[in-house]
Amino acid sequence: MNDDLLRWDRAGRLHLGMVTDLNPPCCGCGMDVCTAGEFYMVHDHVWAAAGTCQCAVLCVGCLEARLGRQLTAGDFSDWPVNDSDQCHHSERLRARLTSKGAA
């Protein structure tokens, strides 16, 4: 996603620009990604490789299916939302955020 679409307010809440739903569903399977702990940010080139528009939301599994590979730590951008100490993450997302391998 483009960093221009995201803003953190003073209370530490993330505002998603064009995404107005506070619990956006995955565009692939309909999962509530926030409740499931699968809200994350990847680098723009990873998102583009999946052929997904910038305002879309995908769970980890649907993004990986579009990429044809498993995500690795190098795929994720340096946004606070990717910090497991600050945000709730599913086991699957935590595993990807710490995995080694080529992005």
C-alpha atoms as a PDB file:
ATOM      1  CA  MET A   1       0.000   0.000   0.000  1.00  0.00           C
ATOM      2  CA  ASN A   2       1.061   3.521  -0.656  1.00  0.00           C
ATOM      3  CA  ASP A   3       2.296   5.219   2.508  1.00  0.00           C
ATOM      4  CA  ASP A   4       0.282   8.347   1.519  1.00  0.00           C
ATOM      5  CA  LEU A   5      -2.943   6.506   2.345  1.00  0.00           C
ATOM      6  CA  LEU A   6      -2.006   5.810   5.966  1.00  0.00           C
ATOM      7  CA  ARG A   7      -1.942   8.135   8.926  1.00  0.00           C
ATOM      8  CA  TRP A   8      -1.538   7.540  12.672  1.00  0.00           C
ATOM      9  CA  ASP A   9      -3.422   9.928  14.935  1.00  0.00           C
ATOM     10  CA  ARG A  10      -2.243  11.172  18.334  1.00  0.00           C
ATOM     11  CA  ALA A  11      -4.036   8.317  20.089  1.00  0.00           C
ATOM     12  CA  GLY A  12      -2.084   5.792  18.019  1.00  0.00           C
ATOM     13  CA  ARG A  13      -5.028   4.785  15.822  1.00  0.00           C
ATOM     14  CA  LEU A  14      -4.374   3.970  12.180  1.00  0.00           C
ATOM     15  CA  HIS A  15      -6.406   5.829   9.560  1.00  0.00           C
ATOM     16  CA  LEU A  16      -6.498   4.064   6.224  1.00  0.00           C
ATOM     17  CA  GLY A  17      -7.108   6.847   3.726  1.00  0.00           C
ATOM     18  CA  MET A  18      -9.427   5.379   1.103  1.00  0.00           C
ATOM     19  CA  VAL A  19     -10.290   2.329   3.243  1.00  0.00           C
ATOM     20  CA  THR A  20     -13.174   3.612   5.356  1.00  0.00           C
ATOM     21  CA  ASP A  21     -14.345   0.357   6.980  1.00  0.00           C
ATOM     22  CA  LEU A  22     -12.830   0.095  10.460  1.00  0.00           C
ATOM     23  CA  ASN A  23     -12.669  -3.693  10.111  1.00  0.00           C
ATOM     24  CA  PRO A  24     -12.019  -4.147   6.411  1.00  0.00           C
ATOM     25  CA  PRO A  25     -12.663  -7.650   5.073  1.00  0.00           C
ATOM     26  CA  CYS A  26     -10.159  -9.547   2.965  1.00  0.00           C
ATOM     27  CA  CYS A  27     -11.036  -8.989  -0.702  1.00  0.00           C
ATOM     28  CA  GLY A  28     -10.233 -12.635  -1.391  1.00  0.00           C
ATOM     29  CA  CYS A  29     -12.058 -14.588   1.314  1.00  0.00           C
ATOM     30  CA  GLY A  30     -14.017 -12.030   3.347  1.00  0.00           C
ATOM     31  CA  MET A  31     -12.060 -12.563   6.607  1.00  0.00           C
ATOM     32  CA  ASP A  32     -12.179  -9.634   9.048  1.00  0.00           C
ATOM     33  CA  VAL A  33      -8.417  -9.056   8.969  1.00  0.00           C
ATOM     34  CA  CYS A  34      -8.279  -6.797  12.026  1.00  0.00           C
ATOM     35  CA  THR A  35     -10.143  -9.183  14.307  1.00  0.00           C
ATOM     36  CA  ALA A  36      -8.153 -12.126  12.932  1.00  0.00           C
ATOM     37  CA  GLY A  37      -4.837 -10.353  13.600  1.00  0.00           C
ATOM     38  CA  GLU A  38      -3.889 -10.215   9.927  1.00  0.00           C
ATOM     39  CA  PHE A  39      -3.663  -6.498   9.292  1.00  0.00           C
ATOM     40  CA  TYR A  40      -0.158  -5.724   8.016  1.00  0.00           C
ATOM     41  CA  MET A  41       1.799  -3.630   5.506  1.00  0.00           C
ATOM     42  CA  VAL A  42       4.052  -4.995   2.779  1.00  0.00           C
ATOM     43  CA  HIS A  43       6.346  -3.076   0.454  1.00  0.00           C
ATOM     44  CA  ASP A  44       4.673  -1.528  -2.591  1.00  0.00           C
ATOM     45  CA  HIS A  45       6.499  -3.852  -4.999  1.00  0.00           C
ATOM     46  CA  VAL A  46       5.144  -6.921  -3.157  1.00  0.00           C
ATOM     47  CA  TRP A  47       1.587  -5.570  -3.302  1.00  0.00           C
ATOM     48  CA  ALA A  48       2.006  -4.708  -6.997  1.00  0.00           C
ATOM     49  CA  ALA A  49       3.332  -8.204  -7.755  1.00  0.00           C
ATOM     50  CA  ALA A  50       0.063  -9.580  -6.388  1.00  0.00           C
ATOM     51  CA  GLY A  51      -1.874  -7.459  -8.900  1.00  0.00           C
ATOM     52  CA  THR A  52      -3.882  -5.804  -6.158  1.00  0.00           C
ATOM     53  CA  CYS A  53      -5.116  -2.201  -6.079  1.00  0.00           C
ATOM     54  CA  GLN A  54      -3.672  -0.011  -3.348  1.00  0.00           C
ATOM     55  CA  CYS A  55      -6.924   0.375  -1.428  1.00  0.00           C
ATOM     56  CA  ALA A  56      -7.603  -3.375  -1.232  1.00  0.00           C
ATOM     57  CA  VAL A  57      -7.095  -5.537   1.865  1.00  0.00           C
ATOM     58  CA  LEU A  58      -5.957  -9.171   1.799  1.00  0.00           C
ATOM     59  CA  CYS A  59      -5.330 -11.697   4.554  1.00  0.00           C
ATOM     60  CA  VAL A  60      -1.911 -13.373   4.563  1.00  0.00           C
ATOM     61  CA  GLY A  61      -3.217 -16.525   2.854  1.00  0.00           C
ATOM     62  CA  CYS A  62      -4.902 -14.670  -0.012  1.00  0.00           C
ATOM     63  CA  LEU A  63      -1.849 -12.474  -0.639  1.00  0.00           C
ATOM     64  CA  GLU A  64       0.388 -15.543  -0.668  1.00  0.00           C
ATOM     65  CA  ALA A  65      -1.975 -17.300  -3.089  1.00  0.00           C
ATOM     66  CA  ARG A  66      -1.777 -14.330  -5.462  1.00  0.00           C
ATOM     67  CA  LEU A  67       2.018 -14.204  -5.173  1.00  0.00           C
ATOM     68  CA  GLY A  68       2.419 -17.968  -5.516  1.00  0.00           C
ATOM     69  CA  ARG A  69       4.785 -18.065  -2.550  1.00  0.00           C
ATOM     70  CA  GLN A  70       4.986 -17.621   1.196  1.00  0.00           C
ATOM     71  CA  LEU A  71       5.718 -14.172   2.587  1.00  0.00           C
ATOM     72  CA  THR A  72       9.017 -13.567   4.362  1.00  0.00           C
ATOM     73  CA  ALA A  73      10.169 -10.891   6.797  1.00  0.00           C
ATOM     74  CA  GLY A  74      11.748  -8.918   3.939  1.00  0.00           C
ATOM     75  CA  ASP A  75       8.348  -8.454   2.295  1.00  0.00           C
ATOM     76  CA  PHE A  76       7.011  -6.330   5.159  1.00  0.00           C
ATOM     77  CA  SER A  77       7.491  -2.578   5.407  1.00  0.00           C
ATOM     78  CA  ASP A  78       8.746  -0.784   8.500  1.00  0.00           C
ATOM     79  CA  TRP A  79       5.354   0.330   9.809  1.00  0.00           C
ATOM     80  CA  PRO A  80       4.265   0.059  13.466  1.00  0.00           C
ATOM     81  CA  VAL A  81       1.361  -2.159  12.387  1.00  0.00           C
ATOM     82  CA  ASN A  82       3.960  -4.876  11.643  1.00  0.00           C
ATOM     83  CA  ASP A  83       5.379  -4.734  15.186  1.00  0.00           C
ATOM     84  CA  SER A  84       4.024  -7.629  17.255  1.00  0.00           C
ATOM     85  CA  ASP A  85       4.845  -5.718  20.438  1.00  0.00           C
ATOM     86  CA  GLN A  86       2.391  -2.984  19.406  1.00  0.00           C
ATOM     87  CA  CYS A  87      -0.277  -4.921  17.497  1.00  0.00           C
ATOM     88  CA  HIS A  88      -2.214  -8.177  17.762  1.00  0.00           C
ATOM     89  CA  HIS A  89      -0.995 -10.638  15.099  1.00  0.00           C
ATOM     90  CA  SER A  90      -2.187 -14.110  14.183  1.00  0.00           C
ATOM     91  CA  GLU A  91       0.268 -16.995  14.525  1.00  0.00           C
ATOM     92  CA  ARG A  92       0.517 -17.134  10.737  1.00  0.00           C
ATOM     93  CA  LEU A  93       1.390 -13.433  10.438  1.00  0.00           C
ATOM     94  CA  ARG A  94       3.915 -13.611  13.312  1.00  0.00           C
ATOM     95  CA  ALA A  95       5.593 -16.558  11.554  1.00  0.00           C
ATOM     96  CA  ARG A  96       5.906 -14.570   8.303  1.00  0.00           C
ATOM     97  CA  LEU A  97       7.160 -11.431  10.039  1.00  0.00           C
ATOM     98  CA  THR A  98      10.066 -13.402  11.513  1.00  0.00           C
ATOM     99  CA  SER A  99      10.810 -15.829   8.659  1.00  0.00           C
ATOM    100  CA  LYS A 100      14.098 -15.772   6.805  1.00  0.00           C
ATOM    101  CA  GLY A 101      14.358 -16.022   3.063  1.00  0.00           C
ATOM    102  CA  ALA A 102      14.466 -14.014  -0.112  1.00  0.00           C
ATOM    103  CA  ALA A 103      11.616 -11.572  -0.620  1.00  0.00           C
END
